[in-house]
């Protein structure tokens, strides 16, 4: 096989990033280990939104903005339209926190502020459907995650409910080959430190855990990070495997 043929056959993951301190983290490590090209678009910095129909995989990460803030962030409306178009076409999609909310909103489900921020190292429990799901079934029935969000969402029509927490019922869902998870498993220690400097994140942290909350959060993260990292790799590997078996789209051209 020629070099040109290898490049032509190489799979491509488009990463939709909404703030510099929320890259894919461990998920990107998995993509790179599989030889998948990572094409990053940091939309809050003015990067153009790639044509998602030309991607083999789409990974949408978190951010401090609301999916409803189309006035303050004009690109959100186009991002939601493109996500809906890609999901309808069968492009595998994996949304994390804001990315999950974008998936829900793009499919017509309401996204709103929750009763209180959910912040901390907290358990998520799989539903019966989650325990049978080909992507999430490799996780424990209850497993620790990093929560750091103030918004929540309803499930889109036709969605399968996969996970819940005590504070927010909708923690994970899928629609076809598109998965949304409200929680974080991909975070490294360096990323966590950066999050502690983002004003919107600091506000939700203090509202939930108090002025010294980051120290407590950091200690809890240190205790759970190995288990969370293993969960991240297992979950994302399973999603890539399932996507390639059932839903993979090759870019046109």
Protein backbone atom coordinates (compact mmCIF):
# COMPACT_ATOMS: atom_id res chain seq x y z
CA UNK A 1 0.00 0.00 0.00
CA UNK A 2 1.37 3.42 -0.93
CA UNK A 3 1.78 6.32 1.49
CA UNK A 4 -1.06 8.13 -0.31
CA UNK A 5 -3.33 5.11 0.16
CA UNK A 6 -2.49 4.93 3.86
CA UNK A 7 -3.33 8.62 4.29
CA UNK A 8 -6.54 8.17 2.30
CA UNK A 9 -7.64 5.27 4.51
CA UNK A 10 -6.65 6.91 7.78
CA UNK A 11 -9.63 7.58 10.02
CA UNK A 12 -10.34 11.08 11.26
CA UNK A 13 -11.86 12.29 14.53
CA UNK A 14 -13.14 15.86 14.67
CA UNK A 15 -12.92 17.26 18.21
CA UNK A 16 -15.27 20.15 18.99
CA UNK A 17 -13.59 22.06 21.80
CA UNK A 18 -15.21 24.97 23.63
CA UNK A 19 -12.44 26.16 25.97
CA UNK A 20 -8.70 25.52 25.91
CA UNK A 21 -8.65 23.72 29.28
CA UNK A 22 -11.16 21.06 28.17
CA UNK A 23 -9.36 18.96 25.57
CA UNK A 24 -10.26 15.28 25.16
CA UNK A 25 -7.58 14.26 27.68
CA UNK A 26 -7.47 10.49 28.03
CA UNK A 27 -9.88 10.09 25.10
CA UNK A 28 -7.34 11.75 22.82
CA UNK A 29 -4.67 9.35 24.09
CA UNK A 30 -6.89 6.48 22.91
CA UNK A 31 -7.44 8.07 19.50
CA UNK A 32 -3.71 8.63 19.00
CA UNK A 33 -2.89 5.09 20.12
CA UNK A 34 -5.17 3.78 17.37
CA UNK A 35 -3.61 5.93 14.68
CA UNK A 36 -6.73 8.05 14.29
CA UNK A 37 -6.08 11.58 13.07
CA UNK A 38 -7.34 14.22 15.53
CA UNK A 39 -8.69 17.41 13.93
CA UNK A 40 -9.38 19.95 16.65
CA UNK A 41 -11.69 22.96 16.28
CA UNK A 42 -11.68 25.35 19.24
CA UNK A 43 -14.92 27.12 18.48
CA UNK A 44 -14.76 29.70 21.27
CA UNK A 45 -11.52 30.98 19.74
CA UNK A 46 -13.06 31.45 16.31
CA UNK A 47 -11.96 28.23 14.63
CA UNK A 48 -14.31 27.35 11.77
CA UNK A 49 -16.66 24.45 12.33
CA UNK A 50 -15.50 21.54 10.16
CA UNK A 51 -17.94 19.63 7.97
CA UNK A 52 -18.91 16.87 10.38
CA UNK A 53 -20.13 14.67 7.53
CA UNK A 54 -16.49 14.34 6.48
CA UNK A 55 -15.49 12.86 9.87
CA UNK A 56 -15.32 9.24 10.89
CA UNK A 57 -15.92 10.24 14.52
CA UNK A 58 -17.08 13.43 16.24
CA UNK A 59 -16.10 14.12 19.86
CA UNK A 60 -17.69 17.19 21.51
CA UNK A 61 -16.15 18.33 24.78
CA UNK A 62 -17.25 20.53 27.69
CA UNK A 63 -17.20 24.26 28.29
CA UNK A 64 -18.51 26.99 30.59
CA UNK A 65 -21.18 28.32 28.23
CA UNK A 66 -24.82 27.28 27.90
CA UNK A 67 -26.13 25.60 24.77
CA UNK A 68 -28.91 28.22 24.89
CA UNK A 69 -26.51 31.19 24.73
CA UNK A 70 -26.62 31.73 20.98
CA UNK A 71 -26.43 35.52 21.46
CA UNK A 72 -23.17 35.43 23.40
CA UNK A 73 -21.72 32.60 21.30
CA UNK A 74 -23.03 32.89 17.75
CA UNK A 75 -21.39 29.61 16.66
CA UNK A 76 -23.59 27.51 18.97
CA UNK A 77 -26.60 27.60 16.65
CA UNK A 78 -24.55 26.32 13.70
CA UNK A 79 -22.86 23.71 15.89
CA UNK A 80 -26.23 22.31 16.94
CA UNK A 81 -27.45 22.21 13.32
CA UNK A 82 -24.29 20.41 12.22
CA UNK A 83 -24.52 17.90 15.07
CA UNK A 84 -28.14 17.11 14.19
CA UNK A 85 -27.17 16.66 10.54
CA UNK A 86 -24.23 14.41 11.38
CA UNK A 87 -26.20 12.23 13.80
CA UNK A 88 -29.01 11.85 11.26
CA UNK A 89 -26.42 10.72 8.70
CA UNK A 90 -25.02 8.08 11.08
CA UNK A 91 -21.70 9.73 11.93
CA UNK A 92 -20.59 8.35 15.33
CA UNK A 93 -20.81 11.07 17.99
CA UNK A 94 -19.51 11.18 21.57
CA UNK A 95 -20.49 14.20 23.69
CA UNK A 96 -19.09 15.03 27.13
CA UNK A 97 -20.85 17.43 29.56
CA UNK A 98 -21.58 20.45 27.32
CA UNK A 99 -21.13 18.03 24.42
CA UNK A 100 -23.93 15.85 25.80
CA UNK A 101 -26.12 18.91 26.27
CA UNK A 102 -25.41 19.96 22.67
CA UNK A 103 -26.45 16.51 21.49
CA UNK A 104 -29.69 16.68 23.47
CA UNK A 105 -30.46 20.20 22.24
CA UNK A 106 -29.61 19.39 18.63
CA UNK A 107 -32.18 16.59 18.75
CA UNK A 108 -34.89 18.85 20.15
CA UNK A 109 -34.64 18.22 23.90
CA UNK A 110 -34.74 21.11 26.42
CA UNK A 111 -31.54 22.07 28.24
CA UNK A 112 -31.87 24.19 31.39
CA UNK A 113 -30.08 25.26 34.53
CA UNK A 114 -30.31 22.63 37.25
CA UNK A 115 -31.56 23.23 40.77
CA UNK A 116 -27.95 23.39 42.00
CA UNK A 117 -24.51 22.71 40.48
CA UNK A 118 -23.28 19.13 40.63
CA UNK A 119 -19.59 19.24 41.49
CA UNK A 120 -17.33 16.60 42.99
CA UNK A 121 -16.13 13.03 42.65
CA UNK A 122 -19.51 11.33 42.73
CA UNK A 123 -21.02 8.01 41.68
CA UNK A 124 -22.98 7.43 38.49
CA UNK A 125 -25.22 4.38 38.32
CA UNK A 126 -26.02 2.54 35.11
CA UNK A 127 -29.66 1.92 34.26
CA UNK A 128 -30.81 -1.53 33.20
CA UNK A 129 -30.35 -0.41 29.58
CA UNK A 130 -26.90 0.92 30.45
CA UNK A 131 -25.85 -2.41 31.92
CA UNK A 132 -26.86 -4.08 28.63
CA UNK A 133 -25.42 -1.39 26.35
CA UNK A 134 -22.48 -2.49 24.16
CA UNK A 135 -20.51 0.65 25.07
CA UNK A 136 -21.28 1.18 28.76
CA UNK A 137 -21.67 -2.45 29.86
CA UNK A 138 -17.93 -2.72 30.54
CA UNK A 139 -18.24 -0.19 33.37
CA UNK A 140 -19.17 -1.11 36.92
CA UNK A 141 -22.86 -0.74 37.78
CA UNK A 142 -21.84 2.24 39.92
CA UNK A 143 -18.56 4.06 39.28
CA UNK A 144 -16.88 7.33 40.36
CA UNK A 145 -16.78 10.27 37.97
CA UNK A 146 -15.87 13.93 38.07
CA UNK A 147 -18.99 16.11 37.96
CA UNK A 148 -18.65 19.84 37.32
CA UNK A 149 -21.75 21.31 35.70
CA UNK A 150 -24.77 23.49 36.41
CA UNK A 151 -27.02 22.66 33.45
CA UNK A 152 -29.02 19.54 32.77
CA UNK A 153 -31.17 18.23 29.93
CA UNK A 154 -34.21 16.18 29.05
CA UNK A 155 -33.80 13.07 26.93
CA UNK A 156 -34.44 13.50 23.21
CA UNK A 157 -37.23 11.54 21.55
CA UNK A 158 -36.12 7.98 20.90
CA UNK A 159 -33.15 8.16 23.27
CA UNK A 160 -32.11 5.23 25.44
CA UNK A 161 -31.46 6.26 29.06
CA UNK A 162 -28.15 4.73 30.19
CA UNK A 163 -27.04 6.37 33.46
CA UNK A 164 -28.19 8.47 36.42
CA UNK A 165 -26.90 10.14 39.57
CA UNK A 166 -28.60 11.16 42.80
CA UNK A 167 -28.68 14.83 41.77
CA UNK A 168 -29.50 14.50 38.08
CA UNK A 169 -31.41 11.62 36.54
CA UNK A 170 -30.05 12.06 33.02
CA UNK A 171 -26.33 11.29 33.06
CA UNK A 172 -25.91 9.17 29.93
CA UNK A 173 -27.97 8.37 26.85
CA UNK A 174 -27.65 7.23 23.27
CA UNK A 175 -29.51 7.81 20.05
CA UNK A 176 -28.30 5.38 17.40
CA UNK A 177 -24.51 5.71 17.31
CA UNK A 178 -24.53 9.02 19.19
CA UNK A 179 -23.68 8.94 22.91
CA UNK A 180 -23.92 11.74 25.45
CA UNK A 181 -22.42 11.60 28.94
CA UNK A 182 -22.89 14.42 31.45
CA UNK A 183 -19.85 13.44 33.52
CA UNK A 184 -16.08 13.52 33.09
CA UNK A 185 -13.72 10.55 33.12
CA UNK A 186 -11.11 11.94 30.73
CA UNK A 187 -9.63 14.55 33.06
CA UNK A 188 -5.97 14.53 34.08
CA UNK A 189 -4.53 16.19 37.15
CA UNK A 190 -3.15 19.01 35.01
CA UNK A 191 -6.58 19.64 33.48
CA UNK A 192 -8.19 19.73 36.92
CA UNK A 193 -5.74 22.40 38.05
CA UNK A 194 -6.57 24.51 35.01
CA UNK A 195 -10.30 24.21 35.67
CA UNK A 196 -9.80 25.70 39.10
CA UNK A 197 -8.85 29.00 37.42
CA UNK A 198 -11.92 29.36 35.15
CA UNK A 199 -14.31 31.89 36.76
CA UNK A 200 -17.52 30.06 35.83
CA UNK A 201 -16.11 26.79 37.17
CA UNK A 202 -14.86 28.43 40.36
CA UNK A 203 -18.33 29.86 41.00
CA UNK A 204 -20.04 26.47 40.72
CA UNK A 205 -17.30 24.85 42.82
CA UNK A 206 -17.68 27.40 45.61
CA UNK A 207 -21.48 27.23 45.49
CA UNK A 208 -21.31 23.48 45.99
CA UNK A 209 -18.22 22.80 48.11
CA UNK A 210 -17.37 26.19 49.65
CA UNK A 211 -14.32 28.42 49.41
CA UNK A 212 -11.88 25.61 50.21
CA UNK A 213 -13.71 23.15 47.99
CA UNK A 214 -10.94 22.70 45.46
CA UNK A 215 -8.62 21.17 48.05
CA UNK A 216 -11.28 18.60 48.96
CA UNK A 217 -12.03 17.96 45.31
CA UNK A 218 -8.35 17.52 44.52
CA UNK A 219 -7.92 14.97 47.33
CA UNK A 220 -10.96 13.02 46.15
CA UNK A 221 -9.65 13.12 42.58
CA UNK A 222 -6.29 11.73 43.70
CA UNK A 223 -8.04 8.81 45.37
CA UNK A 224 -10.23 7.99 42.36
CA UNK A 225 -8.19 9.03 39.33
CA UNK A 226 -6.76 5.59 38.52
CA UNK A 227 -10.22 3.99 38.51
CA UNK A 228 -11.64 6.90 36.49
CA UNK A 229 -8.81 6.71 33.95
CA UNK A 230 -9.39 2.98 33.50
CA UNK A 231 -13.12 3.64 33.05
CA UNK A 232 -12.34 6.37 30.50
CA UNK A 233 -10.17 4.10 28.40
CA UNK A 234 -12.60 1.19 28.57
CA UNK A 235 -15.62 3.34 27.73
CA UNK A 236 -14.00 5.16 24.84
CA UNK A 237 -12.40 2.04 23.38
CA UNK A 238 -15.81 0.35 23.47
CA UNK A 239 -17.43 3.34 21.74
CA UNK A 240 -14.81 3.32 18.98
CA UNK A 241 -15.20 -0.44 18.53
CA UNK A 242 -18.98 -0.21 18.38
CA UNK A 243 -18.81 2.74 16.00
CA UNK A 244 -16.55 0.88 13.61
CA UNK A 245 -18.73 -2.23 13.72
CA UNK A 246 -22.08 -0.55 13.24
CA UNK A 247 -21.97 3.08 12.20
CA UNK A 248 -18.65 4.02 10.65
CA UNK A 249 -18.83 6.53 7.83
CA UNK A 250 -15.91 7.04 5.46
CA UNK A 251 -15.27 10.65 4.44
CA UNK A 252 -16.31 11.54 0.91
CA UNK A 253 -13.59 12.08 -1.66
